[in-house]
Amino acid sequence: MQRGGALLLLILATACQRDTVPEQQARGAAAYAAYCQACHEQEDGIGPRLTPAVLATRMTAERLFAYNRDKMPYNAGKLLTDEQYWDITAYLLARSGMAGRDEPLWEGNADFPLSLPTQ
């Protein structure tokens, strides 16, 4: 019985491990390229360029995630999974110099203020 319990704990611990920051940001970059880039990175795109100043208007990483989840892609909010929205949020913050996190971004650690990076 003890051996079975230890195995179960090992399985649960492995399942609960989160990806690394680079893995999350890489997934976010891929999802951003697939779902966001056409509107936000093109000269004639319908969305603004997602600069640090634009991202900071959402006040916290949690609010940025919620806005993206509820409103993006434009007129098609909640099209992606929550994990994809967290990945995109982590990627946007990292490329803007606003991340500075040593663990992947998720709902349990995203209530931090978004500050413009110092030059």
PDB file of N, CA and C in Angstrom:
ATOM      1  N   MET A   1       0.817  -1.195   0.000  1.00  0.00           N
ATOM      2  CA  MET A   1       0.000   0.000   0.000  1.00  0.00           C
ATOM      3  C   MET A   1       0.857   1.253   0.000  1.00  0.00           C
ATOM      4  N   GLN A   2       1.944   1.251   0.774  1.00  0.00           N
ATOM      5  CA  GLN A   2       2.809   2.427   0.815  1.00  0.00           C
ATOM      6  C   GLN A   2       3.453   2.682  -0.537  1.00  0.00           C
ATOM      7  N   ARG A   3       3.851   1.622  -1.208  1.00  0.00           N
ATOM      8  CA  ARG A   3       4.484   1.781  -2.519  1.00  0.00           C
ATOM      9  C   ARG A   3       3.502   2.395  -3.513  1.00  0.00           C
ATOM     10  N   GLY A   4       2.248   1.942  -3.502  1.00  0.00           N
ATOM     11  CA  GLY A   4       1.224   2.493  -4.382  1.00  0.00           C
ATOM     12  C   GLY A   4       0.941   3.949  -4.076  1.00  0.00           C
ATOM     13  N   GLY A   5       0.930   4.297  -2.795  1.00  0.00           N
ATOM     14  CA  GLY A   5       0.710   5.686  -2.390  1.00  0.00           C
ATOM     15  C   GLY A   5       1.847   6.583  -2.838  1.00  0.00           C
ATOM     16  N   ALA A   6       3.075   6.098  -2.732  1.00  0.00           N
ATOM     17  CA  ALA A   6       4.230   6.882  -3.167  1.00  0.00           C
ATOM     18  C   ALA A   6       4.211   7.088  -4.670  1.00  0.00           C
ATOM     19  N   LEU A   7       3.823   6.055  -5.393  1.00  0.00           N
ATOM     20  CA  LEU A   7       3.721   6.172  -6.847  1.00  0.00           C
ATOM     21  C   LEU A   7       2.657   7.191  -7.236  1.00  0.00           C
ATOM     22  N   LEU A   8       1.532   7.151  -6.541  1.00  0.00           N
ATOM     23  CA  LEU A   8       0.469   8.114  -6.808  1.00  0.00           C
ATOM     24  C   LEU A   8       0.953   9.541  -6.535  1.00  0.00           C
ATOM     25  N   LEU A   9       1.654   9.755  -5.450  1.00  0.00           N
ATOM     26  CA  LEU A   9       2.194  11.081  -5.141  1.00  0.00           C
ATOM     27  C   LEU A   9       3.174  11.541  -6.204  1.00  0.00           C
ATOM     28  N   LEU A  10       4.011  10.640  -6.686  1.00  0.00           N
ATOM     29  CA  LEU A  10       4.961  10.983  -7.734  1.00  0.00           C
ATOM     30  C   LEU A  10       4.239  11.377  -9.015  1.00  0.00           C
ATOM     31  N   ILE A  11       3.206  10.640  -9.365  1.00  0.00           N
ATOM     32  CA  ILE A  11       2.429  10.954 -10.566  1.00  0.00           C
ATOM     33  C   ILE A  11       1.753  12.319 -10.417  1.00  0.00           C
ATOM     34  N   LEU A  12       1.151  12.570  -9.259  1.00  0.00           N
ATOM     35  CA  LEU A  12       0.489  13.851  -9.031  1.00  0.00           C
ATOM     36  C   LEU A  12       1.478  15.005  -9.037  1.00  0.00           C
ATOM     37  N   ALA A  13       2.630  14.820  -8.428  1.00  0.00           N
ATOM     38  CA  ALA A  13       3.637  15.880  -8.400  1.00  0.00           C
ATOM     39  C   ALA A  13       4.132  16.196  -9.808  1.00  0.00           C
ATOM     40  N   THR A  14       4.323  15.177 -10.612  1.00  0.00           N
ATOM     41  CA  THR A  14       4.770  15.376 -11.991  1.00  0.00           C
ATOM     42  C   THR A  14       3.700  16.100 -12.800  1.00  0.00           C
ATOM     43  N   ALA A  15       2.463  15.727 -12.607  1.00  0.00           N
ATOM     44  CA  ALA A  15       1.363  16.356 -13.353  1.00  0.00           C
ATOM     45  C   ALA A  15       1.189  17.815 -12.974  1.00  0.00           C
ATOM     46  N   CYS A  16       1.531  18.177 -11.740  1.00  0.00           N
ATOM     47  CA  CYS A  16       1.345  19.548 -11.276  1.00  0.00           C
ATOM     48  C   CYS A  16       2.521  20.467 -11.618  1.00  0.00           C
ATOM     49  N   GLN A  17       3.612  19.920 -12.099  1.00  0.00           N
ATOM     50  CA  GLN A  17       4.751  20.753 -12.440  1.00  0.00           C
ATOM     51  C   GLN A  17       4.403  21.639 -13.621  1.00  0.00           C
ATOM     52  N   ARG A  18       4.831  22.878 -13.542  1.00  0.00           N
ATOM     53  CA  ARG A  18       4.585  23.819 -14.617  1.00  0.00           C
ATOM     54  C   ARG A  18       5.798  23.827 -15.547  1.00  0.00           C
ATOM     55  N   ASP A  19       5.550  24.285 -16.752  1.00  0.00           N
ATOM     56  CA  ASP A  19       6.633  24.407 -17.713  1.00  0.00           C
ATOM     57  C   ASP A  19       7.627  25.457 -17.255  1.00  0.00           C
ATOM     58  N   THR A  20       8.725  25.526 -17.949  1.00  0.00           N
ATOM     59  CA  THR A  20       9.699  26.567 -17.654  1.00  0.00           C
ATOM     60  C   THR A  20       9.256  27.875 -18.318  1.00  0.00           C
ATOM     61  N   VAL A  21       9.835  28.963 -17.890  1.00  0.00           N
ATOM     62  CA  VAL A  21       9.525  30.270 -18.477  1.00  0.00           C
ATOM     63  C   VAL A  21       9.820  30.277 -19.979  1.00  0.00           C
ATOM     64  N   PRO A  22      10.998  29.796 -20.429  1.00  0.00           N
ATOM     65  CA  PRO A  22      11.244  29.791 -21.877  1.00  0.00           C
ATOM     66  C   PRO A  22      10.247  28.949 -22.668  1.00  0.00           C
ATOM     67  N   GLU A  23       9.801  27.826 -22.106  1.00  0.00           N
ATOM     68  CA  GLU A  23       8.802  27.000 -22.802  1.00  0.00           C
ATOM     69  C   GLU A  23       7.485  27.755 -22.940  1.00  0.00           C
ATOM     70  N   GLN A  24       7.054  28.417 -21.869  1.00  0.00           N
ATOM     71  CA  GLN A  24       5.804  29.163 -21.931  1.00  0.00           C
ATOM     72  C   GLN A  24       5.916  30.310 -22.931  1.00  0.00           C
ATOM     73  N   GLN A  25       7.029  31.017 -22.910  1.00  0.00           N
ATOM     74  CA  GLN A  25       7.203  32.144 -23.825  1.00  0.00           C
ATOM     75  C   GLN A  25       7.298  31.682 -25.272  1.00  0.00           C
ATOM     76  N   ALA A  26       7.892  30.533 -25.512  1.00  0.00           N
ATOM     77  CA  ALA A  26       7.967  29.996 -26.880  1.00  0.00           C
ATOM     78  C   ALA A  26       6.576  29.632 -27.391  1.00  0.00           C
ATOM     79  N   ARG A  27       5.775  29.009 -26.545  1.00  0.00           N
ATOM     80  CA  ARG A  27       4.396  28.715 -26.941  1.00  0.00           C
ATOM     81  C   ARG A  27       3.623  30.002 -27.188  1.00  0.00           C
ATOM     82  N   GLY A  28       3.866  31.005 -26.338  1.00  0.00           N
ATOM     83  CA  GLY A  28       3.204  32.296 -26.504  1.00  0.00           C
ATOM     84  C   GLY A  28       3.595  32.971 -27.802  1.00  0.00           C
ATOM     85  N   ALA A  29       4.864  32.890 -28.160  1.00  0.00           N
ATOM     86  CA  ALA A  29       5.325  33.483 -29.428  1.00  0.00           C
ATOM     87  C   ALA A  29       4.648  32.810 -30.610  1.00  0.00           C
ATOM     88  N   ALA A  30       4.523  31.494 -30.554  1.00  0.00           N
ATOM     89  CA  ALA A  30       3.873  30.770 -31.650  1.00  0.00           C
ATOM     90  C   ALA A  30       2.389  31.118 -31.739  1.00  0.00           C
ATOM     91  N   ALA A  31       1.713  31.176 -30.596  1.00  0.00           N
ATOM     92  CA  ALA A  31       0.288  31.523 -30.600  1.00  0.00           C
ATOM     93  C   ALA A  31       0.086  32.967 -31.042  1.00  0.00           C
ATOM     94  N   TYR A  32       0.974  33.872 -30.614  1.00  0.00           N
ATOM     95  CA  TYR A  32       0.888  35.275 -31.023  1.00  0.00           C
ATOM     96  C   TYR A  32       1.029  35.384 -32.543  1.00  0.00           C
ATOM     97  N   ALA A  33       2.004  34.664 -33.086  1.00  0.00           N
ATOM     98  CA  ALA A  33       2.208  34.693 -34.538  1.00  0.00           C
ATOM     99  C   ALA A  33       0.974  34.171 -35.281  1.00  0.00           C
ATOM    100  N   ALA A  34       0.329  33.175 -34.728  1.00  0.00           N
ATOM    101  CA  ALA A  34      -0.827  32.578 -35.393  1.00  0.00           C
ATOM    102  C   ALA A  34      -2.107  33.391 -35.245  1.00  0.00           C
ATOM    103  N   TYR A  35      -2.308  34.028 -34.090  1.00  0.00           N
ATOM    104  CA  TYR A  35      -3.605  34.645 -33.807  1.00  0.00           C
ATOM    105  C   TYR A  35      -3.596  36.162 -33.644  1.00  0.00           C
ATOM    106  N   CYS A  36      -2.440  36.768 -33.435  1.00  0.00           N
ATOM    107  CA  CYS A  36      -2.409  38.192 -33.066  1.00  0.00           C
ATOM    108  C   CYS A  36      -1.608  39.069 -34.024  1.00  0.00           C
ATOM    109  N   GLN A  37      -0.564  38.526 -34.553  1.00  0.00           N
ATOM    110  CA  GLN A  37       0.407  39.290 -35.323  1.00  0.00           C
ATOM    111  C   GLN A  37      -0.200  40.023 -36.512  1.00  0.00           C
ATOM    112  N   ALA A  38      -1.119  39.411 -37.221  1.00  0.00           N
ATOM    113  CA  ALA A  38      -1.695  40.032 -38.413  1.00  0.00           C
ATOM    114  C   ALA A  38      -2.384  41.355 -38.101  1.00  0.00           C
ATOM    115  N   CYS A  39      -2.980  41.469 -36.940  1.00  0.00           N
ATOM    116  CA  CYS A  39      -3.673  42.714 -36.578  1.00  0.00           C
ATOM    117  C   CYS A  39      -2.761  43.713 -35.862  1.00  0.00           C
ATOM    118  N   HIS A  40      -1.767  43.207 -35.123  1.00  0.00           N
ATOM    119  CA  HIS A  40      -0.970  44.093 -34.268  1.00  0.00           C
ATOM    120  C   HIS A  40       0.423  44.417 -34.798  1.00  0.00           C
ATOM    121  N   GLU A  41       0.889  43.728 -35.814  1.00  0.00           N
ATOM    122  CA  GLU A  41       2.252  43.956 -36.287  1.00  0.00           C
ATOM    123  C   GLU A  41       2.324  44.423 -37.735  1.00  0.00           C
ATOM    124  N   GLN A  42       1.209  44.533 -38.396  1.00  0.00           N
ATOM    125  CA  GLN A  42       1.195  44.949 -39.803  1.00  0.00           C
ATOM    126  C   GLN A  42       0.943  46.452 -39.904  1.00  0.00           C
ATOM    127  N   GLU A  43       1.467  47.065 -40.926  1.00  0.00           N
ATOM    128  CA  GLU A  43       1.222  48.496 -41.157  1.00  0.00           C
ATOM    129  C   GLU A  43      -0.267  48.805 -41.248  1.00  0.00           C
ATOM    130  N   ASP A  44      -1.015  47.935 -41.907  1.00  0.00           N
ATOM    131  CA  ASP A  44      -2.443  48.166 -42.086  1.00  0.00           C
ATOM    132  C   ASP A  44      -3.295  47.316 -41.126  1.00  0.00           C
ATOM    133  N   GLY A  45      -2.691  46.862 -40.028  1.00  0.00           N
ATOM    134  CA  GLY A  45      -3.420  46.049 -39.060  1.00  0.00           C
ATOM    135  C   GLY A  45      -4.469  46.863 -38.327  1.00  0.00           C
ATOM    136  N   ILE A  46      -5.497  46.183 -37.838  1.00  0.00           N
ATOM    137  CA  ILE A  46      -6.591  46.900 -37.184  1.00  0.00           C
ATOM    138  C   ILE A  46      -6.327  47.148 -35.700  1.00  0.00           C
ATOM    139  N   GLY A  47      -5.307  46.530 -35.134  1.00  0.00           N
ATOM    140  CA  GLY A  47      -5.003  46.726 -33.714  1.00  0.00           C
ATOM    141  C   GLY A  47      -3.738  47.534 -33.530  1.00  0.00           C
ATOM    142  N   PRO A  48      -3.566  48.130 -32.359  1.00  0.00           N
ATOM    143  CA  PRO A  48      -2.355  48.908 -32.098  1.00  0.00           C
ATOM    144  C   PRO A  48      -1.139  48.002 -31.937  1.00  0.00           C
ATOM    145  N   ARG A  49       0.017  48.559 -32.159  1.00  0.00           N
ATOM    146  CA  ARG A  49       1.246  47.825 -31.829  1.00  0.00           C
ATOM    147  C   ARG A  49       1.279  47.666 -30.322  1.00  0.00           C
ATOM    148  N   LEU A  50       1.625  46.501 -29.864  1.00  0.00           N
ATOM    149  CA  LEU A  50       1.560  46.204 -28.438  1.00  0.00           C
ATOM    150  C   LEU A  50       2.880  46.563 -27.761  1.00  0.00           C
ATOM    151  N   THR A  51       3.077  47.852 -27.619  1.00  0.00           N
ATOM    152  CA  THR A  51       4.265  48.404 -26.972  1.00  0.00           C
ATOM    153  C   THR A  51       4.125  48.279 -25.454  1.00  0.00           C
ATOM    154  N   PRO A  52       5.212  48.470 -24.712  1.00  0.00           N
ATOM    155  CA  PRO A  52       5.090  48.459 -23.251  1.00  0.00           C
ATOM    156  C   PRO A  52       4.055  49.462 -22.736  1.00  0.00           C
ATOM    157  N   ALA A  53       3.984  50.646 -23.343  1.00  0.00           N
ATOM    158  CA  ALA A  53       3.017  51.650 -22.895  1.00  0.00           C
ATOM    159  C   ALA A  53       1.579  51.159 -23.094  1.00  0.00           C
ATOM    160  N   VAL A  54       1.319  50.491 -24.202  1.00  0.00           N
ATOM    161  CA  VAL A  54      -0.023  49.967 -24.451  1.00  0.00           C
ATOM    162  C   VAL A  54      -0.336  48.849 -23.454  1.00  0.00           C
ATOM    163  N   LEU A  55       0.604  47.934 -23.239  1.00  0.00           N
ATOM    164  CA  LEU A  55       0.376  46.830 -22.311  1.00  0.00           C
ATOM    165  C   LEU A  55       0.149  47.343 -20.894  1.00  0.00           C
ATOM    166  N   ALA A  56       0.877  48.369 -20.490  1.00  0.00           N
ATOM    167  CA  ALA A  56       0.790  48.892 -19.126  1.00  0.00           C
ATOM    168  C   ALA A  56      -0.575  49.501 -18.824  1.00  0.00           C
ATOM    169  N   THR A  57      -1.342  49.840 -19.845  1.00  0.00           N
ATOM    170  CA  THR A  57      -2.671  50.407 -19.590  1.00  0.00           C
ATOM    171  C   THR A  57      -3.594  49.400 -18.916  1.00  0.00           C
ATOM    172  N   ARG A  58      -3.269  48.136 -18.937  1.00  0.00           N
ATOM    173  CA  ARG A  58      -4.092  47.102 -18.294  1.00  0.00           C
ATOM    174  C   ARG A  58      -3.772  46.968 -16.814  1.00  0.00           C
ATOM    175  N   MET A  59      -2.783  47.665 -16.320  1.00  0.00           N
ATOM    176  CA  MET A  59      -2.435  47.792 -14.899  1.00  0.00           C
ATOM    177  C   MET A  59      -1.756  46.565 -14.276  1.00  0.00           C
ATOM    178  N   THR A  60      -2.267  45.359 -14.489  1.00  0.00           N
ATOM    179  CA  THR A  60      -1.640  44.154 -13.935  1.00  0.00           C
ATOM    180  C   THR A  60      -1.598  43.079 -15.021  1.00  0.00           C
ATOM    181  N   ALA A  61      -0.731  42.098 -14.828  1.00  0.00           N
ATOM    182  CA  ALA A  61      -0.660  40.982 -15.769  1.00  0.00           C
ATOM    183  C   ALA A  61      -1.983  40.219 -15.787  1.00  0.00           C
ATOM    184  N   GLU A  62      -2.620  40.113 -14.637  1.00  0.00           N
ATOM    185  CA  GLU A  62      -3.903  39.411 -14.547  1.00  0.00           C
ATOM    186  C   GLU A  62      -4.976  40.122 -15.385  1.00  0.00           C
ATOM    187  N   ARG A  63      -5.002  41.442 -15.330  1.00  0.00           N
ATOM    188  CA  ARG A  63      -5.977  42.190 -16.125  1.00  0.00           C
ATOM    189  C   ARG A  63      -5.653  42.126 -17.612  1.00  0.00           C
ATOM    190  N   LEU A  64      -4.368  42.122 -17.947  1.00  0.00           N
ATOM    191  CA  LEU A  64      -3.977  41.977 -19.354  1.00  0.00           C
ATOM    192  C   LEU A  64      -4.457  40.623 -19.882  1.00  0.00           C
ATOM    193  N   PHE A  65      -4.226  39.569 -19.105  1.00  0.00           N
ATOM    194  CA  PHE A  65      -4.718  38.237 -19.477  1.00  0.00           C
ATOM    195  C   PHE A  65      -6.233  38.255 -19.681  1.00  0.00           C
ATOM    196  N   ALA A  66      -6.968  38.819 -18.720  1.00  0.00           N
ATOM    197  CA  ALA A  66      -8.431  38.825 -18.789  1.00  0.00           C
ATOM    198  C   ALA A  66      -8.926  39.596 -20.010  1.00  0.00           C
ATOM    199  N   TYR A  67      -8.290  40.719 -20.296  1.00  0.00           N
ATOM    200  CA  TYR A  67      -8.686  41.493 -21.469  1.00  0.00           C
ATOM    201  C   TYR A  67      -8.457  40.677 -22.739  1.00  0.00           C
ATOM    202  N   ASN A  68      -7.273  40.089 -22.849  1.00  0.00           N
ATOM    203  CA  ASN A  68      -6.964  39.275 -24.031  1.00  0.00           C
ATOM    204  C   ASN A  68      -7.937  38.114 -24.169  1.00  0.00           C
ATOM    205  N   ARG A  69      -8.209  37.438 -23.063  1.00  0.00           N
ATOM    206  CA  ARG A  69      -9.112  36.285 -23.098  1.00  0.00           C
ATOM    207  C   ARG A  69     -10.529  36.696 -23.513  1.00  0.00           C
ATOM    208  N   ASP A  70     -10.999  37.805 -22.983  1.00  0.00           N
ATOM    209  CA  ASP A  70     -12.384  38.207 -23.231  1.00  0.00           C
ATOM    210  C   ASP A  70     -12.590  38.929 -24.555  1.00  0.00           C
ATOM    211  N   LYS A  71     -11.541  39.569 -25.080  1.00  0.00           N
ATOM    212  CA  LYS A  71     -11.714  40.436 -26.259  1.00  0.00           C
ATOM    213  C   LYS A  71     -10.939  40.006 -27.503  1.00  0.00           C
ATOM    214  N   MET A  72      -9.948  39.143 -27.352  1.00  0.00           N
ATOM    215  CA  MET A  72      -9.074  38.829 -28.473  1.00  0.00           C
ATOM    216  C   MET A  72      -9.165  37.359 -28.846  1.00  0.00           C
ATOM    217  N   PRO A  73      -8.983  37.011 -30.106  1.00  0.00           N
ATOM    218  CA  PRO A  73      -8.856  37.904 -31.255  1.00  0.00           C
ATOM    219  C   PRO A  73     -10.086  38.805 -31.390  1.00  0.00           C
ATOM    220  N   TYR A  74      -9.889  39.910 -32.080  1.00  0.00           N
ATOM    221  CA  TYR A  74     -10.918  40.924 -32.219  1.00  0.00           C
ATOM    222  C   TYR A  74     -12.247  40.279 -32.619  1.00  0.00           C
ATOM    223  N   ASN A  75     -13.270  40.576 -31.860  1.00  0.00           N
ATOM    224  CA  ASN A  75     -14.627  40.051 -32.077  1.00  0.00           C
ATOM    225  C   ASN A  75     -14.722  38.529 -31.952  1.00  0.00           C
ATOM    226  N   ALA A  76     -13.723  37.910 -31.344  1.00  0.00           N
ATOM    227  CA  ALA A  76     -13.764  36.448 -31.184  1.00  0.00           C
ATOM    228  C   ALA A  76     -13.134  36.034 -29.859  1.00  0.00           C
ATOM    229  N   GLY A  77     -13.401  36.802 -28.796  1.00  0.00           N
ATOM    230  CA  GLY A  77     -12.845  36.475 -27.488  1.00  0.00           C
ATOM    231  C   GLY A  77     -13.154  35.048 -27.072  1.00  0.00           C
ATOM    232  N   LYS A  78     -12.288  34.505 -26.260  1.00  0.00           N
ATOM    233  CA  LYS A  78     -12.401  33.145 -25.723  1.00  0.00           C
ATOM    234  C   LYS A  78     -12.274  32.071 -26.799  1.00  0.00           C
ATOM    235  N   LEU A  79     -11.666  32.433 -27.916  1.00  0.00           N
ATOM    236  CA  LEU A  79     -11.425  31.472 -28.989  1.00  0.00           C
ATOM    237  C   LEU A  79     -10.345  30.461 -28.586  1.00  0.00           C
ATOM    238  N   LEU A  80      -9.379  30.919 -27.821  1.00  0.00           N
ATOM    239  CA  LEU A  80      -8.246  30.085 -27.426  1.00  0.00           C
ATOM    240  C   LEU A  80      -8.478  29.497 -26.036  1.00  0.00           C
ATOM    241  N   THR A  81      -7.590  28.616 -25.634  1.00  0.00           N
ATOM    242  CA  THR A  81      -7.659  28.069 -24.277  1.00  0.00           C
ATOM    243  C   THR A  81      -7.057  29.080 -23.306  1.00  0.00           C
ATOM    244  N   ASP A  82      -7.383  28.947 -22.026  1.00  0.00           N
ATOM    245  CA  ASP A  82      -6.772  29.822 -21.025  1.00  0.00           C
ATOM    246  C   ASP A  82      -5.254  29.688 -21.056  1.00  0.00           C
ATOM    247  N   GLU A  83      -4.770  28.473 -21.231  1.00  0.00           N
ATOM    248  CA  GLU A  83      -3.316  28.274 -21.282  1.00  0.00           C
ATOM    249  C   GLU A  83      -2.702  29.088 -22.424  1.00  0.00           C
ATOM    250  N   GLN A  84      -3.339  29.100 -23.580  1.00  0.00           N
ATOM    251  CA  GLN A  84      -2.809  29.884 -24.694  1.00  0.00           C
ATOM    252  C   GLN A  84      -2.821  31.374 -24.375  1.00  0.00           C
ATOM    253  N   TYR A  85      -3.866  31.852 -23.699  1.00  0.00           N
ATOM    254  CA  TYR A  85      -3.899  33.267 -23.319  1.00  0.00           C
ATOM    255  C   TYR A  85      -2.814  33.590 -22.294  1.00  0.00           C
ATOM    256  N   TRP A  86      -2.557  32.691 -21.346  1.00  0.00           N
ATOM    257  CA  TRP A  86      -1.456  32.913 -20.398  1.00  0.00           C
ATOM    258  C   TRP A  86      -0.119  32.922 -21.136  1.00  0.00           C
ATOM    259  N   ASP A  87       0.043  32.001 -22.077  1.00  0.00           N
ATOM    260  CA  ASP A  87       1.289  31.938 -22.844  1.00  0.00           C
ATOM    261  C   ASP A  87       1.512  33.228 -23.638  1.00  0.00           C
ATOM    262  N   ILE A  88       0.483  33.723 -24.287  1.00  0.00           N
ATOM    263  CA  ILE A  88       0.589  34.966 -25.059  1.00  0.00           C
ATOM    264  C   ILE A  88       0.905  36.133 -24.134  1.00  0.00           C
ATOM    265  N   THR A  89       0.240  36.183 -22.993  1.00  0.00           N
ATOM    266  CA  THR A  89       0.505  37.256 -22.035  1.00  0.00           C
ATOM    267  C   THR A  89       1.956  37.214 -21.577  1.00  0.00           C
ATOM    268  N   ALA A  90       2.453  36.029 -21.243  1.00  0.00           N
ATOM    269  CA  ALA A  90       3.852  35.890 -20.811  1.00  0.00           C
ATOM    270  C   ALA A  90       4.805  36.330 -21.922  1.00  0.00           C
ATOM    271  N   TYR A  91       4.515  35.942 -23.139  1.00  0.00           N
ATOM    272  CA  TYR A  91       5.353  36.335 -24.278  1.00  0.00           C
ATOM    273  C   TYR A  91       5.354  37.849 -24.461  1.00  0.00           C
ATOM    274  N   LEU A  92       4.181  38.466 -24.430  1.00  0.00           N
ATOM    275  CA  LEU A  92       4.100  39.919 -24.613  1.00  0.00           C
ATOM    276  C   LEU A  92       4.887  40.659 -23.543  1.00  0.00           C
ATOM    277  N   LEU A  93       4.767  40.218 -22.304  1.00  0.00           N
ATOM    278  CA  LEU A  93       5.494  40.877 -21.219  1.00  0.00           C
ATOM    279  C   LEU A  93       7.001  40.672 -21.360  1.00  0.00           C
ATOM    280  N   ALA A  94       7.408  39.487 -21.765  1.00  0.00           N
ATOM    281  CA  ALA A  94       8.837  39.209 -21.921  1.00  0.00           C
ATOM    282  C   ALA A  94       9.444  40.031 -23.047  1.00  0.00           C
ATOM    283  N   ARG A  95       8.779  40.081 -24.184  1.00  0.00           N
ATOM    284  CA  ARG A  95       9.357  40.817 -25.323  1.00  0.00           C
ATOM    285  C   ARG A  95       9.345  42.322 -25.081  1.00  0.00           C
ATOM    286  N   SER A  96       8.518  42.767 -24.159  1.00  0.00           N
ATOM    287  CA  SER A  96       8.438  44.188 -23.836  1.00  0.00           C
ATOM    288  C   SER A  96       9.334  44.565 -22.661  1.00  0.00           C
ATOM    289  N   GLY A  97      10.056  43.592 -22.124  1.00  0.00           N
ATOM    290  CA  GLY A  97      10.934  43.856 -20.993  1.00  0.00           C
ATOM    291  C   GLY A  97      10.178  44.075 -19.692  1.00  0.00           C
ATOM    292  N   MET A  98       8.975  43.526 -19.607  1.00  0.00           N
ATOM    293  CA  MET A  98       8.136  43.752 -18.436  1.00  0.00           C
ATOM    294  C   MET A  98       7.928  42.488 -17.600  1.00  0.00           C
ATOM    295  N   ALA A  99       8.569  41.394 -17.966  1.00  0.00           N
ATOM    296  CA  ALA A  99       8.291  40.132 -17.288  1.00  0.00           C
ATOM    297  C   ALA A  99       9.107  39.989 -16.010  1.00  0.00           C
ATOM    298  N   GLY A 100      10.389  39.761 -16.142  1.00  0.00           N
ATOM    299  CA  GLY A 100      11.250  39.608 -14.989  1.00  0.00           C
ATOM    300  C   GLY A 100      10.811  38.523 -14.021  1.00  0.00           C
ATOM    301  N   ARG A 101      10.190  37.495 -14.528  1.00  0.00           N
ATOM    302  CA  ARG A 101       9.663  36.430 -13.673  1.00  0.00           C
ATOM    303  C   ARG A 101      10.575  35.208 -13.773  1.00  0.00           C
ATOM    304  N   ASP A 102      10.651  34.472 -12.677  1.00  0.00           N
ATOM    305  CA  ASP A 102      11.446  33.251 -12.695  1.00  0.00           C
ATOM    306  C   ASP A 102      10.573  32.004 -12.675  1.00  0.00           C
ATOM    307  N   GLU A 103       9.272  32.211 -12.876  1.00  0.00           N
ATOM    308  CA  GLU A 103       8.349  31.086 -12.987  1.00  0.00           C
ATOM    309  C   GLU A 103       7.311  31.431 -14.051  1.00  0.00           C
ATOM    310  N   PRO A 104       6.728  30.426 -14.670  1.00  0.00           N
ATOM    311  CA  PRO A 104       5.711  30.700 -15.687  1.00  0.00           C
ATOM    312  C   PRO A 104       4.552  31.511 -15.114  1.00  0.00           C
ATOM    313  N   LEU A 105       3.953  32.292 -15.971  1.00  0.00           N
ATOM    314  CA  LEU A 105       2.830  33.143 -15.586  1.00  0.00           C
ATOM    315  C   LEU A 105       1.546  32.331 -15.568  1.00  0.00           C
ATOM    316  N   TRP A 106       0.757  32.497 -14.535  1.00  0.00           N
ATOM    317  CA  TRP A 106      -0.532  31.827 -14.421  1.00  0.00           C
ATOM    318  C   TRP A 106      -1.374  32.598 -13.420  1.00  0.00           C
ATOM    319  N   GLU A 107      -2.619  32.184 -13.241  1.00  0.00           N
ATOM    320  CA  GLU A 107      -3.547  32.959 -12.419  1.00  0.00           C
ATOM    321  C   GLU A 107      -3.099  33.130 -10.978  1.00  0.00           C
ATOM    322  N   GLY A 108      -2.289  32.262 -10.473  1.00  0.00           N
ATOM    323  CA  GLY A 108      -1.848  32.347  -9.084  1.00  0.00           C
ATOM    324  C   GLY A 108      -0.714  33.325  -8.832  1.00  0.00           C
ATOM    325  N   ASN A 109      -0.108  33.869  -9.878  1.00  0.00           N
ATOM    326  CA  ASN A 109       1.023  34.775  -9.662  1.00  0.00           C
ATOM    327  C   ASN A 109       0.987  35.999 -10.572  1.00  0.00           C
ATOM    328  N   ALA A 110      -0.160  36.332 -11.124  1.00  0.00           N
ATOM    329  CA  ALA A 110      -0.232  37.388 -12.136  1.00  0.00           C
ATOM    330  C   ALA A 110      -0.775  38.718 -11.623  1.00  0.00           C
ATOM    331  N   ASP A 111      -0.993  38.824 -10.339  1.00  0.00           N
ATOM    332  CA  ASP A 111      -1.544  40.067  -9.807  1.00  0.00           C
ATOM    333  C   ASP A 111      -0.408  41.014  -9.412  1.00  0.00           C
ATOM    334  N   PHE A 112       0.432  41.328 -10.379  1.00  0.00           N
ATOM    335  CA  PHE A 112       1.522  42.279 -10.134  1.00  0.00           C
ATOM    336  C   PHE A 112       1.376  43.445 -11.106  1.00  0.00           C
ATOM    337  N   PRO A 113       1.794  44.626 -10.673  1.00  0.00           N
ATOM    338  CA  PRO A 113       1.614  45.799 -11.529  1.00  0.00           C
ATOM    339  C   PRO A 113       2.517  45.743 -12.753  1.00  0.00           C
ATOM    340  N   LEU A 114       2.000  46.249 -13.852  1.00  0.00           N
ATOM    341  CA  LEU A 114       2.784  46.354 -15.081  1.00  0.00           C
ATOM    342  C   LEU A 114       3.456  47.722 -15.091  1.00  0.00           C
ATOM    343  N   SER A 115       4.751  47.716 -15.054  1.00  0.00           N
ATOM    344  CA  SER A 115       5.517  48.957 -15.066  1.00  0.00           C
ATOM    345  C   SER A 115       6.323  49.029 -16.353  1.00  0.00           C
ATOM    346  N   LEU A 116       6.465  50.229 -16.860  1.00  0.00           N
ATOM    347  CA  LEU A 116       7.283  50.412 -18.058  1.00  0.00           C
ATOM    348  C   LEU A 116       8.725  50.076 -17.725  1.00  0.00           C
ATOM    349  N   PRO A 117       9.413  49.382 -18.621  1.00  0.00           N
ATOM    350  CA  PRO A 117      10.820  49.053 -18.370  1.00  0.00           C
ATOM    351  C   PRO A 117      11.654  50.330 -18.311  1.00  0.00           C
ATOM    352  N   THR A 118      12.679  50.285 -17.473  1.00  0.00           N
ATOM    353  CA  THR A 118      13.587  51.427 -17.395  1.00  0.00           C
ATOM    354  C   THR A 118      14.633  51.309 -18.472  1.00  0.00           C
ATOM    355  N   GLN A 119      14.988  52.417 -19.023  1.00  0.00           N
ATOM    356  CA  GLN A 119      15.949  52.430 -20.132  1.00  0.00           C
ATOM    357  C   GLN A 119      17.358  52.518 -19.624  1.00  0.00           C
TER     358      GLN A 119
END
